[in-house]
Amino acid sequence: MSTNSMDSTPRSPLDIRLRNFLIVLVAIALSIGVVLGLRTQSSTASLSELAQQSVPLEVALSNQKPTMVEFYANWCTSCQAMAADIGALEGQYANQVNFVMLNVDNTNWLPEILRFRVDGIPHFVFMDRQGTAIANAIGEQPRSILAANLDALIADTPLPYAQVSGQTSTFSPSVTPKAAGDDPRSHGSQVVK
C-alpha cells in the first residue's frame, strides 16, 4: 500500500492567502537580490563617469605629468567598448599620467578638435610632460597597446605604437564656412573661429 505524502485535507482561505503572501515576499526578496547583485558586478565605468573623473585639460597641460587625451562621444560604440579598458588603465596609471576626456559633441573643444585633426573617434593624443603632442592613436585599441604607449610615455621613450589606427566612428566637426568671395586667396577664411 502506498501512502500519498500530500495531505488531502482542505485548506482554509486564510492558509492559502498566507502561503501566497509568503511566496510573493520571497519572490520580491529574490528579485531585489538579483538586481543588486548584477549592479555590483558591473564595475565597468561609463564614458560619462570617466569624463567626470578625468583631469581638466588646463591642469594636464601645466602639471608636468605626461598626458593621454581621448576625444570621444557618448554615441560612439568603439568609445563605449573601450570604456572598461580606459577605466582600468586610469586606475593603474592615475598617479603617473593625466587622463583627459574631451567630448567631441561639446563645441567648447572645437579648437582642440581642429588642432589635433580629429576626424574619427576614439582619437587618443599622447603628450609629453611639457604638453607637446608626440603621438596619436585613432580608433578602438587593445588595452595592451595603450598600456605599452603609457609605459613609454612615463619612461620618456619613443612610443612603440604611435600613429596606430583601429576601428573608428566617423566624426565631422561642425564648422560653419563663411561666404567666400571669388578671390582665390580667400580659402583660409572659410573656418569660423
N, C-alpha and C. Protein backbone atom coordinates (compact mmCIF):
# COMPACT_ATOMS: atom_id res chain seq x y z
N MET A 1 0.83 -1.16 0.00
CA MET A 1 0.00 0.00 0.00
C MET A 1 0.89 1.24 0.00
N SER A 2 0.64 2.15 -0.93
CA SER A 2 1.45 3.36 -0.98
C SER A 2 0.69 4.48 -0.31
N THR A 3 1.44 5.30 0.36
CA THR A 3 0.81 6.44 1.02
C THR A 3 1.19 7.70 0.28
N ASN A 4 0.27 8.54 0.10
CA ASN A 4 0.48 9.80 -0.59
C ASN A 4 0.93 10.83 0.44
N SER A 5 2.05 11.52 0.13
CA SER A 5 2.57 12.50 1.08
C SER A 5 1.75 13.77 1.09
N MET A 6 0.92 13.95 0.08
CA MET A 6 0.09 15.15 0.02
C MET A 6 -1.07 14.97 0.99
N ASP A 7 -1.28 15.97 1.76
CA ASP A 7 -2.40 15.95 2.69
C ASP A 7 -3.65 16.36 1.93
N SER A 8 -4.63 15.56 1.96
CA SER A 8 -5.84 15.83 1.19
C SER A 8 -6.87 16.62 1.99
N THR A 9 -6.47 17.10 3.15
CA THR A 9 -7.43 17.88 3.92
C THR A 9 -7.56 19.26 3.29
N PRO A 10 -8.74 19.76 3.19
CA PRO A 10 -8.94 21.07 2.58
C PRO A 10 -8.31 22.17 3.43
N ARG A 11 -7.77 23.18 2.73
CA ARG A 11 -7.12 24.30 3.43
C ARG A 11 -8.12 25.46 3.51
N SER A 12 -7.94 26.20 4.55
CA SER A 12 -8.82 27.36 4.73
C SER A 12 -8.34 28.50 3.83
N PRO A 13 -9.21 29.40 3.48
CA PRO A 13 -8.81 30.55 2.65
C PRO A 13 -7.69 31.38 3.32
N LEU A 14 -7.67 31.44 4.63
CA LEU A 14 -6.62 32.17 5.33
C LEU A 14 -5.26 31.50 5.13
N ASP A 15 -5.22 30.16 5.17
CA ASP A 15 -3.97 29.44 4.93
C ASP A 15 -3.46 29.67 3.51
N ILE A 16 -4.35 29.67 2.55
CA ILE A 16 -3.97 29.88 1.15
C ILE A 16 -3.43 31.30 0.96
N ARG A 17 -4.09 32.26 1.55
CA ARG A 17 -3.64 33.65 1.44
C ARG A 17 -2.28 33.84 2.09
N LEU A 18 -2.08 33.24 3.23
CA LEU A 18 -0.80 33.35 3.94
C LEU A 18 0.32 32.73 3.11
N ARG A 19 0.03 31.55 2.53
CA ARG A 19 1.03 30.89 1.69
C ARG A 19 1.36 31.75 0.47
N ASN A 20 0.38 32.29 -0.20
CA ASN A 20 0.59 33.15 -1.37
C ASN A 20 1.36 34.42 -0.99
N PHE A 21 1.04 34.99 0.17
CA PHE A 21 1.73 36.18 0.63
C PHE A 21 3.21 35.88 0.87
N LEU A 22 3.51 34.75 1.48
CA LEU A 22 4.90 34.35 1.71
C LEU A 22 5.64 34.12 0.39
N ILE A 23 4.97 33.53 -0.58
CA ILE A 23 5.58 33.31 -1.90
C ILE A 23 5.91 34.65 -2.56
N VAL A 24 5.01 35.60 -2.46
CA VAL A 24 5.24 36.94 -3.04
C VAL A 24 6.42 37.62 -2.34
N LEU A 25 6.47 37.54 -1.02
CA LEU A 25 7.59 38.15 -0.29
C LEU A 25 8.93 37.53 -0.70
N VAL A 26 8.98 36.23 -0.82
CA VAL A 26 10.22 35.55 -1.24
C VAL A 26 10.59 35.97 -2.66
N ALA A 27 9.62 36.07 -3.55
CA ALA A 27 9.88 36.48 -4.94
C ALA A 27 10.43 37.90 -4.99
N ILE A 28 9.87 38.79 -4.20
CA ILE A 28 10.35 40.17 -4.16
C ILE A 28 11.78 40.22 -3.62
N ALA A 29 12.03 39.50 -2.54
CA ALA A 29 13.37 39.48 -1.95
C ALA A 29 14.39 38.93 -2.94
N LEU A 30 14.05 37.88 -3.66
CA LEU A 30 14.97 37.31 -4.65
C LEU A 30 15.21 38.29 -5.81
N SER A 31 14.16 38.96 -6.24
CA SER A 31 14.30 39.95 -7.32
C SER A 31 15.23 41.08 -6.92
N ILE A 32 15.04 41.59 -5.73
CA ILE A 32 15.92 42.67 -5.23
C ILE A 32 17.35 42.17 -5.13
N GLY A 33 17.53 40.96 -4.65
CA GLY A 33 18.87 40.38 -4.55
C GLY A 33 19.54 40.24 -5.91
N VAL A 34 18.80 39.81 -6.91
CA VAL A 34 19.36 39.66 -8.26
C VAL A 34 19.74 41.02 -8.83
N VAL A 35 18.87 42.02 -8.70
CA VAL A 35 19.15 43.36 -9.22
C VAL A 35 20.38 43.95 -8.54
N LEU A 36 20.43 43.89 -7.23
CA LEU A 36 21.59 44.43 -6.52
C LEU A 36 22.86 43.65 -6.83
N GLY A 37 22.74 42.36 -6.98
CA GLY A 37 23.90 41.54 -7.33
C GLY A 37 24.44 41.89 -8.70
N LEU A 38 23.56 42.09 -9.67
CA LEU A 38 24.00 42.46 -11.01
C LEU A 38 24.59 43.86 -11.02
N ARG A 39 24.02 44.75 -10.25
CA ARG A 39 24.52 46.13 -10.22
C ARG A 39 25.93 46.18 -9.64
N THR A 40 26.21 45.42 -8.61
CA THR A 40 27.55 45.44 -8.02
C THR A 40 28.55 44.68 -8.86
N GLN A 41 28.10 43.75 -9.69
CA GLN A 41 29.04 43.01 -10.54
C GLN A 41 29.50 43.84 -11.72
N SER A 42 28.69 44.76 -12.21
CA SER A 42 29.10 45.55 -13.37
C SER A 42 29.92 46.72 -12.88
N SER A 43 31.23 46.52 -12.83
CA SER A 43 32.12 47.55 -12.34
C SER A 43 32.70 48.38 -13.48
N THR A 44 32.16 48.21 -14.68
CA THR A 44 32.68 48.96 -15.81
C THR A 44 32.25 50.41 -15.70
N ALA A 45 33.18 51.26 -16.02
CA ALA A 45 32.91 52.69 -15.95
C ALA A 45 32.23 53.14 -17.24
N SER A 46 31.31 54.06 -17.10
CA SER A 46 30.68 54.63 -18.29
C SER A 46 31.55 55.79 -18.77
N LEU A 47 31.32 56.20 -20.00
CA LEU A 47 32.07 57.33 -20.56
C LEU A 47 31.84 58.60 -19.75
N SER A 48 30.61 58.81 -19.30
CA SER A 48 30.31 60.00 -18.51
C SER A 48 31.05 59.98 -17.18
N GLU A 49 31.12 58.81 -16.54
CA GLU A 49 31.85 58.71 -15.27
C GLU A 49 33.34 58.95 -15.49
N LEU A 50 33.88 58.38 -16.58
CA LEU A 50 35.30 58.59 -16.88
C LEU A 50 35.58 60.07 -17.14
N ALA A 51 34.68 60.73 -17.86
CA ALA A 51 34.87 62.15 -18.16
C ALA A 51 34.83 62.99 -16.88
N GLN A 52 33.94 62.65 -15.95
CA GLN A 52 33.86 63.39 -14.69
C GLN A 52 35.11 63.20 -13.85
N GLN A 53 35.71 62.01 -13.93
CA GLN A 53 36.90 61.71 -13.13
C GLN A 53 38.18 62.21 -13.80
N SER A 54 38.10 62.58 -15.08
CA SER A 54 39.31 62.93 -15.81
C SER A 54 39.89 64.27 -15.35
N VAL A 55 41.15 64.45 -15.65
CA VAL A 55 41.86 65.67 -15.31
C VAL A 55 41.45 66.75 -16.32
N PRO A 56 41.15 67.96 -15.88
CA PRO A 56 40.85 69.03 -16.84
C PRO A 56 42.06 69.29 -17.73
N LEU A 57 41.81 69.62 -18.98
CA LEU A 57 42.88 69.82 -19.94
C LEU A 57 43.88 70.88 -19.47
N GLU A 58 43.39 71.98 -18.93
CA GLU A 58 44.27 73.06 -18.48
C GLU A 58 45.24 72.57 -17.40
N VAL A 59 44.75 71.74 -16.49
CA VAL A 59 45.59 71.19 -15.42
C VAL A 59 46.62 70.24 -16.01
N ALA A 60 46.17 69.38 -16.93
CA ALA A 60 47.06 68.40 -17.53
C ALA A 60 48.20 69.07 -18.29
N LEU A 61 47.93 70.19 -18.92
CA LEU A 61 48.96 70.88 -19.69
C LEU A 61 49.96 71.62 -18.82
N SER A 62 49.67 71.76 -17.54
CA SER A 62 50.55 72.54 -16.67
C SER A 62 51.14 71.78 -15.48
N ASN A 63 50.78 70.53 -15.28
CA ASN A 63 51.24 69.86 -14.06
C ASN A 63 52.48 68.97 -14.25
N GLN A 64 53.14 69.06 -15.40
CA GLN A 64 54.41 68.36 -15.64
C GLN A 64 54.30 66.83 -15.58
N LYS A 65 53.10 66.31 -15.86
CA LYS A 65 52.93 64.86 -15.99
C LYS A 65 52.60 64.56 -17.44
N PRO A 66 53.02 63.41 -17.97
CA PRO A 66 52.60 63.04 -19.32
C PRO A 66 51.08 62.87 -19.35
N THR A 67 50.49 63.02 -20.53
CA THR A 67 49.04 63.07 -20.65
C THR A 67 48.55 62.21 -21.81
N MET A 68 47.43 61.54 -21.60
CA MET A 68 46.71 60.87 -22.68
C MET A 68 45.35 61.55 -22.77
N VAL A 69 45.08 62.16 -23.92
CA VAL A 69 43.81 62.81 -24.18
C VAL A 69 42.98 61.87 -25.05
N GLU A 70 41.73 61.64 -24.66
CA GLU A 70 40.82 60.86 -25.51
C GLU A 70 39.69 61.76 -25.97
N PHE A 71 39.55 61.87 -27.30
CA PHE A 71 38.38 62.51 -27.88
C PHE A 71 37.34 61.41 -28.06
N TYR A 72 36.14 61.62 -27.54
CA TYR A 72 35.12 60.58 -27.54
C TYR A 72 33.75 61.22 -27.74
N ALA A 73 32.74 60.38 -27.87
CA ALA A 73 31.34 60.80 -27.84
C ALA A 73 30.54 59.69 -27.18
N ASN A 74 29.48 60.05 -26.49
CA ASN A 74 28.66 59.05 -25.80
C ASN A 74 27.99 58.09 -26.78
N TRP A 75 27.73 58.51 -28.02
CA TRP A 75 27.08 57.67 -29.02
C TRP A 75 28.08 56.75 -29.74
N CYS A 76 29.35 56.93 -29.53
CA CYS A 76 30.40 56.18 -30.22
C CYS A 76 30.50 54.77 -29.65
N THR A 77 30.19 53.77 -30.47
CA THR A 77 30.22 52.38 -29.99
C THR A 77 31.64 51.92 -29.68
N SER A 78 32.61 52.36 -30.44
CA SER A 78 34.00 52.00 -30.14
C SER A 78 34.45 52.61 -28.82
N CYS A 79 34.03 53.84 -28.57
CA CYS A 79 34.36 54.50 -27.30
C CYS A 79 33.73 53.75 -26.13
N GLN A 80 32.47 53.35 -26.30
CA GLN A 80 31.78 52.61 -25.26
C GLN A 80 32.45 51.27 -25.00
N ALA A 81 32.88 50.61 -26.08
CA ALA A 81 33.53 49.31 -25.94
C ALA A 81 34.85 49.42 -25.19
N MET A 82 35.52 50.55 -25.32
CA MET A 82 36.82 50.74 -24.67
C MET A 82 36.72 51.32 -23.26
N ALA A 83 35.54 51.72 -22.83
CA ALA A 83 35.39 52.41 -21.55
C ALA A 83 35.94 51.59 -20.38
N ALA A 84 35.69 50.30 -20.36
CA ALA A 84 36.19 49.47 -19.25
C ALA A 84 37.71 49.44 -19.25
N ASP A 85 38.32 49.31 -20.43
CA ASP A 85 39.78 49.29 -20.52
C ASP A 85 40.38 50.63 -20.12
N ILE A 86 39.76 51.71 -20.55
CA ILE A 86 40.26 53.04 -20.19
C ILE A 86 40.16 53.24 -18.68
N GLY A 87 39.05 52.80 -18.09
CA GLY A 87 38.89 52.89 -16.64
C GLY A 87 39.95 52.09 -15.90
N ALA A 88 40.25 50.89 -16.40
CA ALA A 88 41.28 50.06 -15.77
C ALA A 88 42.66 50.70 -15.90
N LEU A 89 42.96 51.24 -17.08
CA LEU A 89 44.26 51.90 -17.28
C LEU A 89 44.38 53.14 -16.40
N GLU A 90 43.29 53.87 -16.28
CA GLU A 90 43.32 55.05 -15.42
C GLU A 90 43.59 54.66 -13.98
N GLY A 91 42.97 53.58 -13.54
CA GLY A 91 43.23 53.10 -12.18
C GLY A 91 44.68 52.67 -11.99
N GLN A 92 45.27 52.10 -13.02
CA GLN A 92 46.64 51.61 -12.94
C GLN A 92 47.67 52.73 -13.05
N TYR A 93 47.41 53.74 -13.88
CA TYR A 93 48.40 54.77 -14.18
C TYR A 93 48.04 56.17 -13.65
N ALA A 94 47.00 56.30 -12.88
CA ALA A 94 46.50 57.63 -12.49
C ALA A 94 47.54 58.48 -11.79
N ASN A 95 48.44 57.90 -11.04
CA ASN A 95 49.44 58.68 -10.32
C ASN A 95 50.59 59.14 -11.21
N GLN A 96 50.69 58.56 -12.41
CA GLN A 96 51.83 58.86 -13.28
C GLN A 96 51.44 59.58 -14.56
N VAL A 97 50.18 59.45 -14.98
CA VAL A 97 49.73 60.01 -16.26
C VAL A 97 48.41 60.72 -16.06
N ASN A 98 48.25 61.88 -16.72
CA ASN A 98 46.96 62.56 -16.75
C ASN A 98 46.06 61.87 -17.77
N PHE A 99 44.83 61.62 -17.41
CA PHE A 99 43.82 61.09 -18.34
C PHE A 99 42.81 62.20 -18.57
N VAL A 100 42.72 62.68 -19.81
CA VAL A 100 41.82 63.77 -20.17
C VAL A 100 40.80 63.23 -21.16
N MET A 101 39.53 63.50 -20.91
CA MET A 101 38.45 63.07 -21.80
C MET A 101 37.76 64.31 -22.36
N LEU A 102 37.76 64.45 -23.71
CA LEU A 102 37.11 65.58 -24.36
C LEU A 102 36.01 65.07 -25.27
N ASN A 103 34.78 65.47 -24.97
CA ASN A 103 33.61 65.04 -25.73
C ASN A 103 33.51 65.89 -27.01
N VAL A 104 33.56 65.23 -28.16
CA VAL A 104 33.55 65.95 -29.44
C VAL A 104 32.21 66.63 -29.70
N ASP A 105 31.17 66.26 -28.99
CA ASP A 105 29.87 66.91 -29.15
C ASP A 105 29.79 68.24 -28.39
N ASN A 106 30.79 68.52 -27.57
CA ASN A 106 30.86 69.77 -26.83
C ASN A 106 31.65 70.76 -27.69
N THR A 107 30.98 71.78 -28.19
CA THR A 107 31.63 72.73 -29.10
C THR A 107 32.75 73.54 -28.44
N ASN A 108 32.83 73.52 -27.12
CA ASN A 108 33.94 74.19 -26.44
C ASN A 108 35.29 73.58 -26.83
N TRP A 109 35.27 72.31 -27.27
CA TRP A 109 36.52 71.63 -27.62
C TRP A 109 36.85 71.73 -29.11
N LEU A 110 36.11 72.54 -29.84
CA LEU A 110 36.36 72.67 -31.28
C LEU A 110 37.80 73.09 -31.61
N PRO A 111 38.40 74.04 -30.88
CA PRO A 111 39.80 74.37 -31.20
C PRO A 111 40.74 73.16 -31.06
N GLU A 112 40.52 72.35 -30.04
CA GLU A 112 41.35 71.16 -29.85
C GLU A 112 41.06 70.11 -30.93
N ILE A 113 39.78 69.99 -31.29
CA ILE A 113 39.39 69.04 -32.34
C ILE A 113 40.09 69.40 -33.65
N LEU A 114 40.11 70.68 -33.96
CA LEU A 114 40.77 71.13 -35.18
C LEU A 114 42.29 71.03 -35.06
N ARG A 115 42.83 71.39 -33.93
CA ARG A 115 44.29 71.35 -33.72
C ARG A 115 44.84 69.94 -33.89
N PHE A 116 44.13 68.95 -33.34
CA PHE A 116 44.61 67.57 -33.41
C PHE A 116 44.00 66.79 -34.57
N ARG A 117 43.26 67.50 -35.43
CA ARG A 117 42.68 66.92 -36.64
C ARG A 117 41.86 65.66 -36.36
N VAL A 118 40.94 65.80 -35.44
CA VAL A 118 40.09 64.68 -35.05
C VAL A 118 39.03 64.48 -36.12
N ASP A 119 39.10 63.34 -36.81
CA ASP A 119 38.08 63.03 -37.82
C ASP A 119 37.51 61.63 -37.62
N GLY A 120 37.92 60.97 -36.58
CA GLY A 120 37.38 59.67 -36.19
C GLY A 120 37.59 59.50 -34.70
N ILE A 121 36.67 58.84 -34.06
CA ILE A 121 36.78 58.63 -32.61
C ILE A 121 36.61 57.16 -32.29
N PRO A 122 37.22 56.71 -31.24
CA PRO A 122 38.05 57.44 -30.30
C PRO A 122 39.38 57.87 -30.94
N HIS A 123 39.86 59.01 -30.51
CA HIS A 123 41.12 59.57 -31.01
C HIS A 123 41.95 59.89 -29.77
N PHE A 124 43.10 59.25 -29.66
CA PHE A 124 43.96 59.42 -28.50
C PHE A 124 45.17 60.27 -28.88
N VAL A 125 45.48 61.25 -28.07
CA VAL A 125 46.67 62.07 -28.26
C VAL A 125 47.55 61.87 -27.03
N PHE A 126 48.81 61.50 -27.28
CA PHE A 126 49.77 61.30 -26.19
C PHE A 126 50.68 62.52 -26.12
N MET A 127 50.77 63.12 -24.94
CA MET A 127 51.56 64.34 -24.75
C MET A 127 52.66 64.11 -23.73
N ASP A 128 53.81 64.72 -23.98
CA ASP A 128 54.92 64.60 -23.04
C ASP A 128 54.67 65.50 -21.82
N ARG A 129 55.63 65.57 -20.94
CA ARG A 129 55.49 66.32 -19.69
C ARG A 129 55.32 67.83 -19.91
N GLN A 130 55.75 68.31 -21.06
CA GLN A 130 55.62 69.73 -21.38
C GLN A 130 54.30 70.05 -22.10
N GLY A 131 53.48 69.04 -22.36
CA GLY A 131 52.20 69.25 -23.02
C GLY A 131 52.29 69.25 -24.53
N THR A 132 53.40 68.76 -25.07
CA THR A 132 53.58 68.68 -26.52
C THR A 132 53.06 67.34 -27.02
N ALA A 133 52.21 67.38 -28.04
CA ALA A 133 51.69 66.15 -28.62
C ALA A 133 52.83 65.42 -29.33
N ILE A 134 53.06 64.16 -28.96
CA ILE A 134 54.16 63.40 -29.56
C ILE A 134 53.66 62.21 -30.39
N ALA A 135 52.42 61.80 -30.20
CA ALA A 135 51.88 60.67 -30.96
C ALA A 135 50.37 60.63 -30.81
N ASN A 136 49.73 59.86 -31.68
CA ASN A 136 48.30 59.65 -31.54
C ASN A 136 47.95 58.25 -31.99
N ALA A 137 46.78 57.83 -31.57
CA ALA A 137 46.21 56.55 -31.98
C ALA A 137 44.73 56.81 -32.24
N ILE A 138 44.25 56.28 -33.33
CA ILE A 138 42.88 56.54 -33.72
C ILE A 138 42.12 55.22 -33.80
N GLY A 139 40.95 55.19 -33.21
CA GLY A 139 40.11 54.00 -33.27
C GLY A 139 40.26 53.13 -32.05
N GLU A 140 39.50 52.05 -32.07
CA GLU A 140 39.48 51.11 -30.95
C GLU A 140 40.84 50.44 -30.84
N GLN A 141 41.45 50.52 -29.65
CA GLN A 141 42.79 50.00 -29.41
C GLN A 141 42.74 48.96 -28.29
N PRO A 142 43.50 47.89 -28.43
CA PRO A 142 43.59 46.93 -27.32
C PRO A 142 44.25 47.58 -26.10
N ARG A 143 43.87 47.14 -24.94
CA ARG A 143 44.44 47.68 -23.70
C ARG A 143 45.95 47.53 -23.69
N SER A 144 46.47 46.43 -24.22
CA SER A 144 47.91 46.19 -24.19
C SER A 144 48.67 47.25 -25.00
N ILE A 145 48.12 47.70 -26.11
CA ILE A 145 48.77 48.73 -26.93
C ILE A 145 48.77 50.06 -26.18
N LEU A 146 47.64 50.42 -25.60
CA LEU A 146 47.59 51.66 -24.83
C LEU A 146 48.53 51.60 -23.63
N ALA A 147 48.58 50.45 -22.95
CA ALA A 147 49.47 50.31 -21.80
C ALA A 147 50.93 50.44 -22.22
N ALA A 148 51.30 49.84 -23.36
CA ALA A 148 52.68 49.96 -23.84
C ALA A 148 53.01 51.42 -24.15
N ASN A 149 52.07 52.13 -24.76
CA ASN A 149 52.29 53.55 -25.03
C ASN A 149 52.40 54.36 -23.74
N LEU A 150 51.59 54.05 -22.75
CA LEU A 150 51.65 54.77 -21.47
C LEU A 150 52.96 54.48 -20.75
N ASP A 151 53.42 53.24 -20.79
CA ASP A 151 54.71 52.89 -20.18
C ASP A 151 55.84 53.69 -20.83
N ALA A 152 55.83 53.78 -22.15
CA ALA A 152 56.86 54.54 -22.87
C ALA A 152 56.73 56.03 -22.56
N LEU A 153 55.51 56.52 -22.44
CA LEU A 153 55.28 57.92 -22.13
C LEU A 153 55.87 58.26 -20.76
N ILE A 154 55.66 57.39 -19.80
CA ILE A 154 56.19 57.60 -18.44
C ILE A 154 57.72 57.56 -18.46
N ALA A 155 58.28 56.62 -19.23
CA ALA A 155 59.74 56.46 -19.29
C ALA A 155 60.40 57.50 -20.19
N ASP A 156 59.60 58.32 -20.85
CA ASP A 156 60.10 59.34 -21.77
C ASP A 156 60.92 58.72 -22.90
N THR A 157 60.39 57.62 -23.44
CA THR A 157 60.99 56.94 -24.58
C THR A 157 60.00 56.95 -25.74
N PRO A 158 60.47 56.68 -26.97
CA PRO A 158 59.53 56.68 -28.11
C PRO A 158 58.39 55.68 -27.89
N LEU A 159 57.20 56.10 -28.25
CA LEU A 159 56.03 55.23 -28.10
C LEU A 159 56.08 54.12 -29.13
N PRO A 160 55.91 52.87 -28.70
CA PRO A 160 56.00 51.75 -29.64
C PRO A 160 54.85 51.69 -30.64
N TYR A 161 53.71 52.24 -30.28
CA TYR A 161 52.54 52.17 -31.15
C TYR A 161 52.03 53.58 -31.46
N ALA A 162 52.89 54.40 -31.99
CA ALA A 162 52.49 55.75 -32.39
C ALA A 162 51.81 55.67 -33.76
N GLN A 163 50.86 56.57 -33.98
CA GLN A 163 50.15 56.65 -35.25
C GLN A 163 49.41 55.36 -35.59
N VAL A 164 48.78 54.74 -34.61
CA VAL A 164 48.05 53.49 -34.80
C VAL A 164 46.60 53.81 -35.13
N SER A 165 46.01 53.07 -36.07
CA SER A 165 44.61 53.25 -36.41
C SER A 165 43.85 51.95 -36.22
N GLY A 166 42.68 52.04 -35.63
CA GLY A 166 41.80 50.89 -35.45
C GLY A 166 40.41 51.26 -35.92
N GLN A 167 39.39 50.52 -35.47
CA GLN A 167 38.01 50.79 -35.86
C GLN A 167 37.56 52.12 -35.26
N THR A 168 36.98 52.99 -36.09
CA THR A 168 36.56 54.31 -35.63
C THR A 168 35.08 54.53 -35.90
N SER A 169 34.55 55.55 -35.24
CA SER A 169 33.24 56.09 -35.56
C SER A 169 33.50 57.41 -36.26
N THR A 170 32.87 57.63 -37.40
CA THR A 170 33.10 58.83 -38.17
C THR A 170 32.60 60.05 -37.42
N PHE A 171 33.38 61.10 -37.48
CA PHE A 171 33.02 62.35 -36.81
C PHE A 171 33.44 63.50 -37.71
N SER A 172 32.56 64.47 -37.87
CA SER A 172 32.87 65.69 -38.60
C SER A 172 32.55 66.86 -37.70
N PRO A 173 33.55 67.69 -37.37
CA PRO A 173 33.26 68.84 -36.51
C PRO A 173 32.33 69.80 -37.23
N SER A 174 31.46 70.42 -36.46
CA SER A 174 30.52 71.36 -37.04
C SER A 174 31.18 72.72 -37.18
N VAL A 175 31.74 72.94 -38.34
CA VAL A 175 32.40 74.20 -38.64
C VAL A 175 31.57 74.86 -39.72
N THR A 176 31.12 76.08 -39.46
CA THR A 176 30.30 76.80 -40.42
C THR A 176 31.18 77.64 -41.32
N PRO A 177 31.17 77.36 -42.62
CA PRO A 177 32.02 78.16 -43.51
C PRO A 177 31.44 79.56 -43.71
N LYS A 178 32.36 80.52 -43.84
CA LYS A 178 31.95 81.88 -44.16
C LYS A 178 31.74 81.96 -45.67
N ALA A 179 31.00 82.94 -46.08
CA ALA A 179 30.80 83.14 -47.52
C ALA A 179 32.12 83.65 -48.11
N ALA A 180 32.68 82.87 -48.98
CA ALA A 180 33.94 83.24 -49.60
C ALA A 180 33.66 83.92 -50.93
N GLY A 181 34.43 84.96 -51.22
CA GLY A 181 34.26 85.66 -52.49
C GLY A 181 34.93 84.90 -53.61
N ASP A 182 35.05 85.52 -54.72
CA ASP A 182 35.68 84.90 -55.87
C ASP A 182 37.20 84.96 -55.80
N ASP A 183 37.74 85.61 -54.80
CA ASP A 183 39.18 85.75 -54.67
C ASP A 183 39.79 84.42 -54.25
N PRO A 184 40.70 83.84 -55.07
CA PRO A 184 41.27 82.53 -54.73
C PRO A 184 42.12 82.57 -53.47
N ARG A 185 42.50 83.76 -53.03
CA ARG A 185 43.31 83.86 -51.81
C ARG A 185 42.45 83.78 -50.56
N SER A 186 41.15 83.68 -50.69
CA SER A 186 40.26 83.68 -49.52
C SER A 186 40.00 82.28 -48.97
N HIS A 187 40.74 81.29 -49.44
CA HIS A 187 40.48 79.91 -49.00
C HIS A 187 40.67 79.71 -47.50
N GLY A 188 41.50 80.48 -46.86
CA GLY A 188 41.72 80.33 -45.44
C GLY A 188 40.64 80.97 -44.59
N SER A 189 39.76 81.74 -45.19
CA SER A 189 38.74 82.43 -44.39
C SER A 189 37.46 81.63 -44.25
N GLN A 190 37.49 80.37 -44.63
CA GLN A 190 36.27 79.56 -44.56
C GLN A 190 35.99 79.02 -43.19
N VAL A 191 36.96 78.97 -42.32
CA VAL A 191 36.78 78.43 -40.98
C VAL A 191 36.42 79.55 -40.04
N VAL A 192 35.33 79.38 -39.31
CA VAL A 192 34.88 80.37 -38.33
C VAL A 192 35.60 80.10 -37.03
N LYS A 193 36.15 81.10 -36.44
CA LYS A 193 36.84 80.92 -35.16
C LYS A 193 35.98 81.34 -34.02
